[in-house]
Amino acid sequence: MQFNHFNLEVPADQLDKVKQFYQQVFGWREGDRPAFSRPGYWLYEGDLPILHLVQHRGGQTAAGNGALNHLAFRTSQLAAFRNTLDKLNIPYRQVILADAGISQLFFHDPTGLKLEVNGPAL
């Protein structure tokens, strides 16, 4: 089994802002999406539609069950990724795990979802 995608339900007035955030921060591109009844976007990493964005029914963000703490990603180019966050004025917290030889960057998307990007120690 392998990971396929994650889905975010966002208010109608945030849909384009959230799409732009993930395109700018992660470099994901908008791609084909089936003709669902609600507006949205699929953002691709290569050939994989990694993020499904959909307008939440009623225009409010889905409350969820509170169990999801964050989503984590890995890159071999962490310094370049950190530069992207700096360029976009996205605040982040950096944690260095010296014993593991990695650094972690924690930040939030426009919906408030916490994201983590791991890479070689900076």
PDB file of N, CA and C in Angstrom:
ATOM      1  N   MET A   1       0.838  -1.171   0.000  1.00  0.00           N
ATOM      2  CA  MET A   1       0.000   0.000   0.000  1.00  0.00           C
ATOM      3  C   MET A   1       0.889   1.241   0.000  1.00  0.00           C
ATOM      4  N   GLN A   2       0.436   2.272  -0.699  1.00  0.00           N
ATOM      5  CA  GLN A   2       1.179   3.519  -0.705  1.00  0.00           C
ATOM      6  C   GLN A   2       0.224   4.705  -0.636  1.00  0.00           C
ATOM      7  N   PHE A   3       0.761   5.831  -0.215  1.00  0.00           N
ATOM      8  CA  PHE A   3      -0.028   7.050  -0.107  1.00  0.00           C
ATOM      9  C   PHE A   3      -0.485   7.481  -1.488  1.00  0.00           C
ATOM     10  N   ASN A   4      -1.730   7.993  -1.578  1.00  0.00           N
ATOM     11  CA  ASN A   4      -2.269   8.427  -2.858  1.00  0.00           C
ATOM     12  C   ASN A   4      -2.459   9.938  -2.922  1.00  0.00           C
ATOM     13  N   HIS A   5      -3.242  10.523  -2.025  1.00  0.00           N
ATOM     14  CA  HIS A   5      -3.485  11.965  -2.046  1.00  0.00           C
ATOM     15  C   HIS A   5      -4.079  12.401  -0.714  1.00  0.00           C
ATOM     16  N   PHE A   6      -4.142  13.729  -0.526  1.00  0.00           N
ATOM     17  CA  PHE A   6      -4.917  14.255   0.589  1.00  0.00           C
ATOM     18  C   PHE A   6      -5.915  15.259   0.033  1.00  0.00           C
ATOM     19  N   ASN A   7      -7.027  15.408   0.749  1.00  0.00           N
ATOM     20  CA  ASN A   7      -8.136  16.233   0.310  1.00  0.00           C
ATOM     21  C   ASN A   7      -8.381  17.330   1.344  1.00  0.00           C
ATOM     22  N   LEU A   8      -8.493  18.553   0.881  1.00  0.00           N
ATOM     23  CA  LEU A   8      -8.819  19.667   1.759  1.00  0.00           C
ATOM     24  C   LEU A   8     -10.130  20.286   1.303  1.00  0.00           C
ATOM     25  N   GLU A   9     -11.059  20.435   2.228  1.00  0.00           N
ATOM     26  CA  GLU A   9     -12.297  21.162   1.973  1.00  0.00           C
ATOM     27  C   GLU A   9     -12.128  22.562   2.535  1.00  0.00           C
ATOM     28  N   VAL A  10     -12.311  23.566   1.675  1.00  0.00           N
ATOM     29  CA  VAL A  10     -12.089  24.949   2.092  1.00  0.00           C
ATOM     30  C   VAL A  10     -13.280  25.809   1.685  1.00  0.00           C
ATOM     31  N   PRO A  11     -13.489  26.926   2.394  1.00  0.00           N
ATOM     32  CA  PRO A  11     -14.566  27.841   2.011  1.00  0.00           C
ATOM     33  C   PRO A  11     -14.362  28.358   0.589  1.00  0.00           C
ATOM     34  N   ALA A  12     -15.456  28.678  -0.070  1.00  0.00           N
ATOM     35  CA  ALA A  12     -15.405  29.136  -1.458  1.00  0.00           C
ATOM     36  C   ALA A  12     -14.460  30.315  -1.639  1.00  0.00           C
ATOM     37  N   ASP A  13     -14.454  31.245  -0.683  1.00  0.00           N
ATOM     38  CA  ASP A  13     -13.620  32.439  -0.829  1.00  0.00           C
ATOM     39  C   ASP A  13     -12.132  32.171  -0.576  1.00  0.00           C
ATOM     40  N   GLN A  14     -11.777  30.973  -0.139  1.00  0.00           N
ATOM     41  CA  GLN A  14     -10.380  30.610   0.110  1.00  0.00           C
ATOM     42  C   GLN A  14      -9.815  29.645  -0.926  1.00  0.00           C
ATOM     43  N   LEU A  15     -10.657  29.112  -1.791  1.00  0.00           N
ATOM     44  CA  LEU A  15     -10.238  28.055  -2.710  1.00  0.00           C
ATOM     45  C   LEU A  15      -9.048  28.461  -3.582  1.00  0.00           C
ATOM     46  N   ASP A  16      -9.124  29.615  -4.210  1.00  0.00           N
ATOM     47  CA  ASP A  16      -8.029  30.055  -5.079  1.00  0.00           C
ATOM     48  C   ASP A  16      -6.772  30.392  -4.275  1.00  0.00           C
ATOM     49  N   LYS A  17      -6.951  30.983  -3.091  1.00  0.00           N
ATOM     50  CA  LYS A  17      -5.808  31.328  -2.232  1.00  0.00           C
ATOM     51  C   LYS A  17      -5.053  30.066  -1.806  1.00  0.00           C
ATOM     52  N   VAL A  18      -5.788  29.033  -1.422  1.00  0.00           N
ATOM     53  CA  VAL A  18      -5.155  27.779  -0.992  1.00  0.00           C
ATOM     54  C   VAL A  18      -4.452  27.118  -2.181  1.00  0.00           C
ATOM     55  N   LYS A  19      -5.093  27.124  -3.338  1.00  0.00           N
ATOM     56  CA  LYS A  19      -4.468  26.564  -4.546  1.00  0.00           C
ATOM     57  C   LYS A  19      -3.153  27.281  -4.837  1.00  0.00           C
ATOM     58  N   GLN A  20      -3.168  28.596  -4.805  1.00  0.00           N
ATOM     59  CA  GLN A  20      -1.965  29.378  -5.098  1.00  0.00           C
ATOM     60  C   GLN A  20      -0.863  29.091  -4.075  1.00  0.00           C
ATOM     61  N   PHE A  21      -1.225  28.955  -2.799  1.00  0.00           N
ATOM     62  CA  PHE A  21      -0.249  28.640  -1.757  1.00  0.00           C
ATOM     63  C   PHE A  21       0.506  27.361  -2.098  1.00  0.00           C
ATOM     64  N   TYR A  22      -0.206  26.285  -2.389  1.00  0.00           N
ATOM     65  CA  TYR A  22       0.448  25.009  -2.654  1.00  0.00           C
ATOM     66  C   TYR A  22       1.230  25.027  -3.967  1.00  0.00           C
ATOM     67  N   GLN A  23       0.756  25.785  -4.938  1.00  0.00           N
ATOM     68  CA  GLN A  23       1.518  25.910  -6.184  1.00  0.00           C
ATOM     69  C   GLN A  23       2.828  26.642  -5.941  1.00  0.00           C
ATOM     70  N   GLN A  24       2.784  27.728  -5.181  1.00  0.00           N
ATOM     71  CA  GLN A  24       3.990  28.513  -4.935  1.00  0.00           C
ATOM     72  C   GLN A  24       4.959  27.812  -3.994  1.00  0.00           C
ATOM     73  N   VAL A  25       4.447  27.214  -2.932  1.00  0.00           N
ATOM     74  CA  VAL A  25       5.311  26.616  -1.920  1.00  0.00           C
ATOM     75  C   VAL A  25       5.893  25.286  -2.383  1.00  0.00           C
ATOM     76  N   PHE A  26       5.063  24.420  -2.936  1.00  0.00           N
ATOM     77  CA  PHE A  26       5.522  23.078  -3.309  1.00  0.00           C
ATOM     78  C   PHE A  26       5.780  22.903  -4.803  1.00  0.00           C
ATOM     79  N   GLY A  27       5.379  23.866  -5.597  1.00  0.00           N
ATOM     80  CA  GLY A  27       5.594  23.760  -7.034  1.00  0.00           C
ATOM     81  C   GLY A  27       4.632  22.796  -7.714  1.00  0.00           C
ATOM     82  N   TRP A  28       3.517  22.474  -7.055  1.00  0.00           N
ATOM     83  CA  TRP A  28       2.549  21.564  -7.652  1.00  0.00           C
ATOM     84  C   TRP A  28       1.769  22.298  -8.727  1.00  0.00           C
ATOM     85  N   ARG A  29       1.395  21.581  -9.759  1.00  0.00           N
ATOM     86  CA  ARG A  29       0.697  22.194 -10.888  1.00  0.00           C
ATOM     87  C   ARG A  29      -0.755  21.735 -10.921  1.00  0.00           C
ATOM     88  N   GLU A  30      -1.612  22.621 -11.397  1.00  0.00           N
ATOM     89  CA  GLU A  30      -3.014  22.269 -11.569  1.00  0.00           C
ATOM     90  C   GLU A  30      -3.147  21.321 -12.748  1.00  0.00           C
ATOM     91  N   GLY A  31      -3.978  20.289 -12.593  1.00  0.00           N
ATOM     92  CA  GLY A  31      -4.161  19.314 -13.663  1.00  0.00           C
ATOM     93  C   GLY A  31      -5.604  18.860 -13.769  1.00  0.00           C
ATOM     94  N   ASP A  32      -5.790  17.831 -14.554  1.00  0.00           N
ATOM     95  CA  ASP A  32      -7.122  17.301 -14.819  1.00  0.00           C
ATOM     96  C   ASP A  32      -7.834  16.904 -13.532  1.00  0.00           C
ATOM     97  N   ARG A  33      -9.132  17.131 -13.542  1.00  0.00           N
ATOM     98  CA  ARG A  33     -10.004  16.797 -12.411  1.00  0.00           C
ATOM     99  C   ARG A  33     -11.350  16.376 -12.970  1.00  0.00           C
ATOM    100  N   PRO A  34     -11.920  15.291 -12.455  1.00  0.00           N
ATOM    101  CA  PRO A  34     -13.254  14.898 -12.919  1.00  0.00           C
ATOM    102  C   PRO A  34     -14.280  15.999 -12.668  1.00  0.00           C
ATOM    103  N   ALA A  35     -15.394  15.923 -13.347  1.00  0.00           N
ATOM    104  CA  ALA A  35     -16.453  16.935 -13.239  1.00  0.00           C
ATOM    105  C   ALA A  35     -17.333  16.654 -12.024  1.00  0.00           C
ATOM    106  N   PHE A  36     -16.783  16.943 -10.838  1.00  0.00           N
ATOM    107  CA  PHE A  36     -17.541  16.769  -9.602  1.00  0.00           C
ATOM    108  C   PHE A  36     -18.593  17.875  -9.483  1.00  0.00           C
ATOM    109  N   SER A  37     -19.546  17.685  -8.575  1.00  0.00           N
ATOM    110  CA  SER A  37     -20.618  18.663  -8.409  1.00  0.00           C
ATOM    111  C   SER A  37     -20.147  19.929  -7.698  1.00  0.00           C
ATOM    112  N   ARG A  38     -19.079  19.854  -6.924  1.00  0.00           N
ATOM    113  CA  ARG A  38     -18.570  21.038  -6.218  1.00  0.00           C
ATOM    114  C   ARG A  38     -17.296  21.538  -6.900  1.00  0.00           C
ATOM    115  N   PRO A  39     -17.074  22.850  -6.910  1.00  0.00           N
ATOM    116  CA  PRO A  39     -15.849  23.407  -7.489  1.00  0.00           C
ATOM    117  C   PRO A  39     -14.610  22.915  -6.740  1.00  0.00           C
ATOM    118  N   GLY A  40     -13.500  22.896  -7.438  1.00  0.00           N
ATOM    119  CA  GLY A  40     -12.245  22.511  -6.808  1.00  0.00           C
ATOM    120  C   GLY A  40     -11.128  22.369  -7.815  1.00  0.00           C
ATOM    121  N   TYR A  41     -10.002  21.890  -7.330  1.00  0.00           N
ATOM    122  CA  TYR A  41      -8.807  21.706  -8.149  1.00  0.00           C
ATOM    123  C   TYR A  41      -8.097  20.437  -7.724  1.00  0.00           C
ATOM    124  N   TRP A  42      -7.381  19.841  -8.654  1.00  0.00           N
ATOM    125  CA  TRP A  42      -6.418  18.796  -8.325  1.00  0.00           C
ATOM    126  C   TRP A  42      -5.042  19.358  -8.644  1.00  0.00           C
ATOM    127  N   LEU A  43      -4.141  19.278  -7.669  1.00  0.00           N
ATOM    128  CA  LEU A  43      -2.765  19.737  -7.860  1.00  0.00           C
ATOM    129  C   LEU A  43      -1.855  18.518  -7.918  1.00  0.00           C
ATOM    130  N   TYR A  44      -0.976  18.526  -8.889  1.00  0.00           N
ATOM    131  CA  TYR A  44      -0.148  17.367  -9.209  1.00  0.00           C
ATOM    132  C   TYR A  44       1.304  17.555  -8.815  1.00  0.00           C
ATOM    133  N   GLU A  45       1.898  16.481  -8.310  1.00  0.00           N
ATOM    134  CA  GLU A  45       3.344  16.326  -8.133  1.00  0.00           C
ATOM    135  C   GLU A  45       3.738  15.296  -9.185  1.00  0.00           C
ATOM    136  N   GLY A  46       4.366  15.758 -10.260  1.00  0.00           N
ATOM    137  CA  GLY A  46       4.626  14.853 -11.376  1.00  0.00           C
ATOM    138  C   GLY A  46       3.302  14.390 -11.966  1.00  0.00           C
ATOM    139  N   ASP A  47       3.114  13.072 -12.065  1.00  0.00           N
ATOM    140  CA  ASP A  47       1.875  12.525 -12.617  1.00  0.00           C
ATOM    141  C   ASP A  47       0.830  12.190 -11.553  1.00  0.00           C
ATOM    142  N   LEU A  48       1.141  12.451 -10.291  1.00  0.00           N
ATOM    143  CA  LEU A  48       0.253  12.082  -9.193  1.00  0.00           C
ATOM    144  C   LEU A  48      -0.551  13.288  -8.709  1.00  0.00           C
ATOM    145  N   PRO A  49      -1.896  13.194  -8.729  1.00  0.00           N
ATOM    146  CA  PRO A  49      -2.708  14.286  -8.184  1.00  0.00           C
ATOM    147  C   PRO A  49      -2.680  14.227  -6.656  1.00  0.00           C
ATOM    148  N   ILE A  50      -1.662  14.834  -6.078  1.00  0.00           N
ATOM    149  CA  ILE A  50      -1.340  14.701  -4.660  1.00  0.00           C
ATOM    150  C   ILE A  50      -2.313  15.448  -3.745  1.00  0.00           C
ATOM    151  N   LEU A  51      -2.850  16.577  -4.211  1.00  0.00           N
ATOM    152  CA  LEU A  51      -3.759  17.375  -3.397  1.00  0.00           C
ATOM    153  C   LEU A  51      -5.070  17.603  -4.135  1.00  0.00           C
ATOM    154  N   HIS A  52      -6.157  17.227  -3.481  1.00  0.00           N
ATOM    155  CA  HIS A  52      -7.491  17.491  -4.008  1.00  0.00           C
ATOM    156  C   HIS A  52      -8.081  18.626  -3.171  1.00  0.00           C
ATOM    157  N   LEU A  53      -8.365  19.727  -3.810  1.00  0.00           N
ATOM    158  CA  LEU A  53      -9.013  20.863  -3.149  1.00  0.00           C
ATOM    159  C   LEU A  53     -10.471  20.898  -3.581  1.00  0.00           C
ATOM    160  N   VAL A  54     -11.363  21.064  -2.631  1.00  0.00           N
ATOM    161  CA  VAL A  54     -12.784  21.104  -2.956  1.00  0.00           C
ATOM    162  C   VAL A  54     -13.471  22.150  -2.081  1.00  0.00           C
ATOM    163  N   GLN A  55     -14.439  22.820  -2.691  1.00  0.00           N
ATOM    164  CA  GLN A  55     -15.220  23.799  -1.944  1.00  0.00           C
ATOM    165  C   GLN A  55     -16.078  23.063  -0.935  1.00  0.00           C
ATOM    166  N   HIS A  56     -15.996  23.496   0.311  1.00  0.00           N
ATOM    167  CA  HIS A  56     -16.764  22.856   1.377  1.00  0.00           C
ATOM    168  C   HIS A  56     -18.232  23.227   1.256  1.00  0.00           C
ATOM    169  N   ARG A  57     -19.090  22.261   1.515  1.00  0.00           N
ATOM    170  CA  ARG A  57     -20.535  22.525   1.511  1.00  0.00           C
ATOM    171  C   ARG A  57     -20.848  23.570   2.579  1.00  0.00           C
ATOM    172  N   GLY A  58     -21.636  24.542   2.227  1.00  0.00           N
ATOM    173  CA  GLY A  58     -22.017  25.575   3.181  1.00  0.00           C
ATOM    174  C   GLY A  58     -20.994  26.681   3.316  1.00  0.00           C
ATOM    175  N   GLY A  59     -19.854  26.556   2.637  1.00  0.00           N
ATOM    176  CA  GLY A  59     -18.858  27.614   2.636  1.00  0.00           C
ATOM    177  C   GLY A  59     -17.956  27.656   3.843  1.00  0.00           C
ATOM    178  N   GLN A  60     -18.096  26.731   4.774  1.00  0.00           N
ATOM    179  CA  GLN A  60     -17.247  26.729   5.967  1.00  0.00           C
ATOM    180  C   GLN A  60     -16.207  25.626   5.868  1.00  0.00           C
ATOM    181  N   THR A  61     -15.089  25.821   6.543  1.00  0.00           N
ATOM    182  CA  THR A  61     -14.051  24.797   6.582  1.00  0.00           C
ATOM    183  C   THR A  61     -14.560  23.605   7.377  1.00  0.00           C
ATOM    184  N   ALA A  62     -14.288  22.408   6.883  1.00  0.00           N
ATOM    185  CA  ALA A  62     -14.677  21.195   7.599  1.00  0.00           C
ATOM    186  C   ALA A  62     -13.981  21.157   8.947  1.00  0.00           C
ATOM    187  N   ALA A  63     -14.715  20.814   9.985  1.00  0.00           N
ATOM    188  CA  ALA A  63     -14.163  20.813  11.343  1.00  0.00           C
ATOM    189  C   ALA A  63     -13.230  19.640  11.579  1.00  0.00           C
ATOM    190  N   GLY A  64     -13.481  18.511  10.963  1.00  0.00           N
ATOM    191  CA  GLY A  64     -12.644  17.336  11.177  1.00  0.00           C
ATOM    192  C   GLY A  64     -12.814  16.792  12.582  1.00  0.00           C
ATOM    193  N   ASN A  65     -12.018  15.791  12.910  1.00  0.00           N
ATOM    194  CA  ASN A  65     -12.144  15.184  14.236  1.00  0.00           C
ATOM    195  C   ASN A  65     -11.035  15.620  15.177  1.00  0.00           C
ATOM    196  N   GLY A  66     -10.143  16.489  14.719  1.00  0.00           N
ATOM    197  CA  GLY A  66      -9.082  16.989  15.584  1.00  0.00           C
ATOM    198  C   GLY A  66      -7.909  16.045  15.730  1.00  0.00           C
ATOM    199  N   ALA A  67      -7.934  14.899  15.084  1.00  0.00           N
ATOM    200  CA  ALA A  67      -6.861  13.930  15.242  1.00  0.00           C
ATOM    201  C   ALA A  67      -5.646  14.239  14.357  1.00  0.00           C
ATOM    202  N   LEU A  68      -5.854  14.891  13.239  1.00  0.00           N
ATOM    203  CA  LEU A  68      -4.749  15.192  12.330  1.00  0.00           C
ATOM    204  C   LEU A  68      -3.927  16.339  12.891  1.00  0.00           C
ATOM    205  N   ASN A  69      -2.654  16.073  13.177  1.00  0.00           N
ATOM    206  CA  ASN A  69      -1.778  17.108  13.708  1.00  0.00           C
ATOM    207  C   ASN A  69      -1.054  17.842  12.587  1.00  0.00           C
ATOM    208  N   HIS A  70      -0.502  17.113  11.627  1.00  0.00           N
ATOM    209  CA  HIS A  70       0.211  17.744  10.524  1.00  0.00           C
ATOM    210  C   HIS A  70       0.450  16.750   9.396  1.00  0.00           C
ATOM    211  N   LEU A  71       0.851  17.280   8.244  1.00  0.00           N
ATOM    212  CA  LEU A  71       1.307  16.478   7.115  1.00  0.00           C
ATOM    213  C   LEU A  71       2.787  16.754   6.942  1.00  0.00           C
ATOM    214  N   ALA A  72       3.566  15.709   6.656  1.00  0.00           N
ATOM    215  CA  ALA A  72       5.014  15.865   6.524  1.00  0.00           C
ATOM    216  C   ALA A  72       5.475  15.439   5.135  1.00  0.00           C
ATOM    217  N   PHE A  73       6.481  16.148   4.652  1.00  0.00           N
ATOM    218  CA  PHE A  73       7.081  15.885   3.350  1.00  0.00           C
ATOM    219  C   PHE A  73       8.597  15.849   3.523  1.00  0.00           C
ATOM    220  N   ARG A  74       9.293  15.292   2.546  1.00  0.00           N
ATOM    221  CA  ARG A  74      10.746  15.196   2.597  1.00  0.00           C
ATOM    222  C   ARG A  74      11.325  15.771   1.304  1.00  0.00           C
ATOM    223  N   THR A  75      12.455  16.471   1.455  1.00  0.00           N
ATOM    224  CA  THR A  75      13.167  17.009   0.301  1.00  0.00           C
ATOM    225  C   THR A  75      14.668  16.880   0.530  1.00  0.00           C
ATOM    226  N   SER A  76      15.397  16.736  -0.552  1.00  0.00           N
ATOM    227  CA  SER A  76      16.855  16.746  -0.449  1.00  0.00           C
ATOM    228  C   SER A  76      17.394  18.168  -0.594  1.00  0.00           C
ATOM    229  N   GLN A  77      16.507  19.104  -0.898  1.00  0.00           N
ATOM    230  CA  GLN A  77      16.875  20.507  -1.131  1.00  0.00           C
ATOM    231  C   GLN A  77      16.233  21.418  -0.079  1.00  0.00           C
ATOM    232  N   LEU A  78      16.468  21.132   1.191  1.00  0.00           N
ATOM    233  CA  LEU A  78      15.799  21.869   2.259  1.00  0.00           C
ATOM    234  C   LEU A  78      16.203  23.340   2.297  1.00  0.00           C
ATOM    235  N   ALA A  79      17.454  23.645   2.044  1.00  0.00           N
ATOM    236  CA  ALA A  79      17.889  25.052   2.055  1.00  0.00           C
ATOM    237  C   ALA A  79      17.145  25.844   0.980  1.00  0.00           C
ATOM    238  N   ALA A  80      16.998  25.291  -0.199  1.00  0.00           N
ATOM    239  CA  ALA A  80      16.257  25.964  -1.272  1.00  0.00           C
ATOM    240  C   ALA A  80      14.788  26.106  -0.893  1.00  0.00           C
ATOM    241  N   PHE A  81      14.231  25.079  -0.247  1.00  0.00           N
ATOM    242  CA  PHE A  81      12.844  25.152   0.181  1.00  0.00           C
ATOM    243  C   PHE A  81      12.663  26.255   1.232  1.00  0.00           C
ATOM    244  N   ARG A  82      13.585  26.340   2.171  1.00  0.00           N
ATOM    245  CA  ARG A  82      13.541  27.397   3.186  1.00  0.00           C
ATOM    246  C   ARG A  82      13.610  28.773   2.525  1.00  0.00           C
ATOM    247  N   ASN A  83      14.430  28.908   1.489  1.00  0.00           N
ATOM    248  CA  ASN A  83      14.515  30.174   0.746  1.00  0.00           C
ATOM    249  C   ASN A  83      13.179  30.534   0.110  1.00  0.00           C
ATOM    250  N   THR A  84      12.461  29.518  -0.384  1.00  0.00           N
ATOM    251  CA  THR A  84      11.128  29.756  -0.953  1.00  0.00           C
ATOM    252  C   THR A  84      10.186  30.300   0.108  1.00  0.00           C
ATOM    253  N   LEU A  85      10.186  29.689   1.288  1.00  0.00           N
ATOM    254  CA  LEU A  85       9.339  30.189   2.378  1.00  0.00           C
ATOM    255  C   LEU A  85       9.706  31.627   2.729  1.00  0.00           C
ATOM    256  N   ASP A  86      11.008  31.920   2.799  1.00  0.00           N
ATOM    257  CA  ASP A  86      11.456  33.284   3.105  1.00  0.00           C
ATOM    258  C   ASP A  86      10.974  34.266   2.034  1.00  0.00           C
ATOM    259  N   LYS A  87      11.134  33.877   0.772  1.00  0.00           N
ATOM    260  CA  LYS A  87      10.744  34.740  -0.342  1.00  0.00           C
ATOM    261  C   LYS A  87       9.244  35.031  -0.323  1.00  0.00           C
ATOM    262  N   LEU A  88       8.449  34.047   0.087  1.00  0.00           N
ATOM    263  CA  LEU A  88       6.996  34.203   0.137  1.00  0.00           C
ATOM    264  C   LEU A  88       6.505  34.772   1.477  1.00  0.00           C
ATOM    265  N   ASN A  89       7.456  35.100   2.359  1.00  0.00           N
ATOM    266  CA  ASN A  89       7.128  35.644   3.689  1.00  0.00           C
ATOM    267  C   ASN A  89       6.208  34.729   4.484  1.00  0.00           C
ATOM    268  N   ILE A  90       6.480  33.428   4.402  1.00  0.00           N
ATOM    269  CA  ILE A  90       5.713  32.446   5.160  1.00  0.00           C
ATOM    270  C   ILE A  90       6.491  32.129   6.426  1.00  0.00           C
ATOM    271  N   PRO A  91       5.931  32.449   7.581  1.00  0.00           N
ATOM    272  CA  PRO A  91       6.644  32.157   8.831  1.00  0.00           C
ATOM    273  C   PRO A  91       6.768  30.649   9.061  1.00  0.00           C
ATOM    274  N   TYR A  92       7.895  30.251   9.630  1.00  0.00           N
ATOM    275  CA  TYR A  92       8.133  28.836   9.918  1.00  0.00           C
ATOM    276  C   TYR A  92       8.973  28.716  11.172  1.00  0.00           C
ATOM    277  N   ARG A  93       8.952  27.514  11.712  1.00  0.00           N
ATOM    278  CA  ARG A  93       9.796  27.181  12.865  1.00  0.00           C
ATOM    279  C   ARG A  93      10.738  26.080  12.400  1.00  0.00           C
ATOM    280  N   GLN A  94      12.021  26.252  12.676  1.00  0.00           N
ATOM    281  CA  GLN A  94      13.024  25.257  12.275  1.00  0.00           C
ATOM    282  C   GLN A  94      13.464  24.462  13.497  1.00  0.00           C
ATOM    283  N   VAL A  95      13.494  23.154  13.339  1.00  0.00           N
ATOM    284  CA  VAL A  95      13.967  22.250  14.376  1.00  0.00           C
ATOM    285  C   VAL A  95      15.113  21.439  13.787  1.00  0.00           C
ATOM    286  N   ILE A  96      16.225  21.369  14.505  1.00  0.00           N
ATOM    287  CA  ILE A  96      17.372  20.579  14.058  1.00  0.00           C
ATOM    288  C   ILE A  96      17.468  19.344  14.936  1.00  0.00           C
ATOM    289  N   LEU A  97      17.418  18.181  14.311  1.00  0.00           N
ATOM    290  CA  LEU A  97      17.581  16.907  15.011  1.00  0.00           C
ATOM    291  C   LEU A  97      18.983  16.398  14.701  1.00  0.00           C
ATOM    292  N   ALA A  98      19.952  16.891  15.463  1.00  0.00           N
ATOM    293  CA  ALA A  98      21.361  16.611  15.195  1.00  0.00           C
ATOM    294  C   ALA A  98      21.653  15.110  15.193  1.00  0.00           C
ATOM    295  N   ASP A  99      21.070  14.371  16.129  1.00  0.00           N
ATOM    296  CA  ASP A  99      21.316  12.928  16.193  1.00  0.00           C
ATOM    297  C   ASP A  99      20.874  12.210  14.924  1.00  0.00           C
ATOM    298  N   ALA A 100      19.814  12.709  14.293  1.00  0.00           N
ATOM    299  CA  ALA A 100      19.294  12.083  13.075  1.00  0.00           C
ATOM    300  C   ALA A 100      19.875  12.711  11.807  1.00  0.00           C
ATOM    301  N   GLY A 101      20.568  13.854  11.954  1.00  0.00           N
ATOM    302  CA  GLY A 101      21.156  14.522  10.789  1.00  0.00           C
ATOM    303  C   GLY A 101      20.119  15.178   9.892  1.00  0.00           C
ATOM    304  N   ILE A 102      18.993  15.595  10.486  1.00  0.00           N
ATOM    305  CA  ILE A 102      17.961  16.238   9.670  1.00  0.00           C
ATOM    306  C   ILE A 102      17.508  17.548  10.314  1.00  0.00           C
ATOM    307  N   SER A 103      16.941  18.390   9.477  1.00  0.00           N
ATOM    308  CA  SER A 103      16.272  19.607   9.918  1.00  0.00           C
ATOM    309  C   SER A 103      14.818  19.506   9.500  1.00  0.00           C
ATOM    310  N   GLN A 104      13.971  20.152  10.281  1.00  0.00           N
ATOM    311  CA  GLN A 104      12.547  20.171   9.996  1.00  0.00           C
ATOM    312  C   GLN A 104      12.070  21.612   9.965  1.00  0.00           C
ATOM    313  N   LEU A 105      11.198  21.913   9.006  1.00  0.00           N
ATOM    314  CA  LEU A 105      10.562  23.216   8.929  1.00  0.00           C
ATOM    315  C   LEU A 105       9.067  23.005   9.138  1.00  0.00           C
ATOM    316  N   PHE A 106       8.501  23.741  10.096  1.00  0.00           N
ATOM    317  CA  PHE A 106       7.073  23.663  10.389  1.00  0.00           C
ATOM    318  C   PHE A 106       6.423  24.995  10.046  1.00  0.00           C
ATOM    319  N   PHE A 107       5.298  24.953   9.348  1.00  0.00           N
ATOM    320  CA  PHE A 107       4.569  26.156   8.962  1.00  0.00           C
ATOM    321  C   PHE A 107       3.113  25.771   8.704  1.00  0.00           C
ATOM    322  N   HIS A 108       2.273  26.757   8.406  1.00  0.00           N
ATOM    323  CA  HIS A 108       0.849  26.506   8.220  1.00  0.00           C
ATOM    324  C   HIS A 108       0.382  26.985   6.852  1.00  0.00           C
ATOM    325  N   ASP A 109      -0.579  26.252   6.288  1.00  0.00           N
ATOM    326  CA  ASP A 109      -1.192  26.694   5.038  1.00  0.00           C
ATOM    327  C   ASP A 109      -2.307  27.691   5.380  1.00  0.00           C
ATOM    328  N   PRO A 110      -2.947  28.302   4.377  1.00  0.00           N
ATOM    329  CA  PRO A 110      -3.992  29.295   4.662  1.00  0.00           C
ATOM    330  C   PRO A 110      -5.196  28.757   5.441  1.00  0.00           C
ATOM    331  N   THR A 111      -5.410  27.442   5.449  1.00  0.00           N
ATOM    332  CA  THR A 111      -6.526  26.861   6.201  1.00  0.00           C
ATOM    333  C   THR A 111      -6.152  26.636   7.657  1.00  0.00           C
ATOM    334  N   GLY A 112      -4.861  26.801   7.998  1.00  0.00           N
ATOM    335  CA  GLY A 112      -4.379  26.537   9.350  1.00  0.00           C
ATOM    336  C   GLY A 112      -3.768  25.161   9.520  1.00  0.00           C
ATOM    337  N   LEU A 113      -3.766  24.350   8.470  1.00  0.00           N
ATOM    338  CA  LEU A 113      -3.180  23.018   8.537  1.00  0.00           C
ATOM    339  C   LEU A 113      -1.664  23.123   8.714  1.00  0.00           C
ATOM    340  N   LYS A 114      -1.135  22.425   9.719  1.00  0.00           N
ATOM    341  CA  LYS A 114       0.308  22.443   9.956  1.00  0.00           C
ATOM    342  C   LYS A 114       0.999  21.511   8.966  1.00  0.00           C
ATOM    343  N   LEU A 115       2.080  22.007   8.384  1.00  0.00           N
ATOM    344  CA  LEU A 115       2.879  21.255   7.428  1.00  0.00           C
ATOM    345  C   LEU A 115       4.301  21.150   7.947  1.00  0.00           C
ATOM    346  N   GLU A 116       4.958  20.054   7.617  1.00  0.00           N
ATOM    347  CA  GLU A 116       6.344  19.810   8.007  1.00  0.00           C
ATOM    348  C   GLU A 116       7.116  19.388   6.769  1.00  0.00           C
ATOM    349  N   VAL A 117       8.290  19.963   6.599  1.00  0.00           N
ATOM    350  CA  VAL A 117       9.183  19.537   5.517  1.00  0.00           C
ATOM    351  C   VAL A 117      10.520  19.182   6.154  1.00  0.00           C
ATOM    352  N   ASN A 118      10.980  17.963   5.905  1.00  0.00           N
ATOM    353  CA  ASN A 118      12.234  17.431   6.434  1.00  0.00           C
ATOM    354  C   ASN A 118      13.289  17.390   5.352  1.00  0.00           C
ATOM    355  N   GLY A 119      14.533  17.532   5.761  1.00  0.00           N
ATOM    356  CA  GLY A 119      15.642  17.429   4.826  1.00  0.00           C
ATOM    357  C   GLY A 119      16.958  17.337   5.569  1.00  0.00           C
ATOM    358  N   PRO A 120      18.050  17.340   4.819  1.00  0.00           N
ATOM    359  CA  PRO A 120      19.379  17.279   5.437  1.00  0.00           C
ATOM    360  C   PRO A 120      19.583  18.432   6.415  1.00  0.00           C
ATOM    361  N   ALA A 121      20.329  18.165   7.474  1.00  0.00           N
ATOM    362  CA  ALA A 121      20.584  19.188   8.495  1.00  0.00           C
ATOM    363  C   ALA A 121      21.139  20.453   7.871  1.00  0.00           C
ATOM    364  N   LEU A 122      20.589  21.587   8.291  1.00  0.00           N
ATOM    365  CA  LEU A 122      21.036  22.898   7.789  1.00  0.00           C
ATOM    366  C   LEU A 122      22.026  23.509   8.758  1.00  0.00           C
TER     367      LEU A 122
END
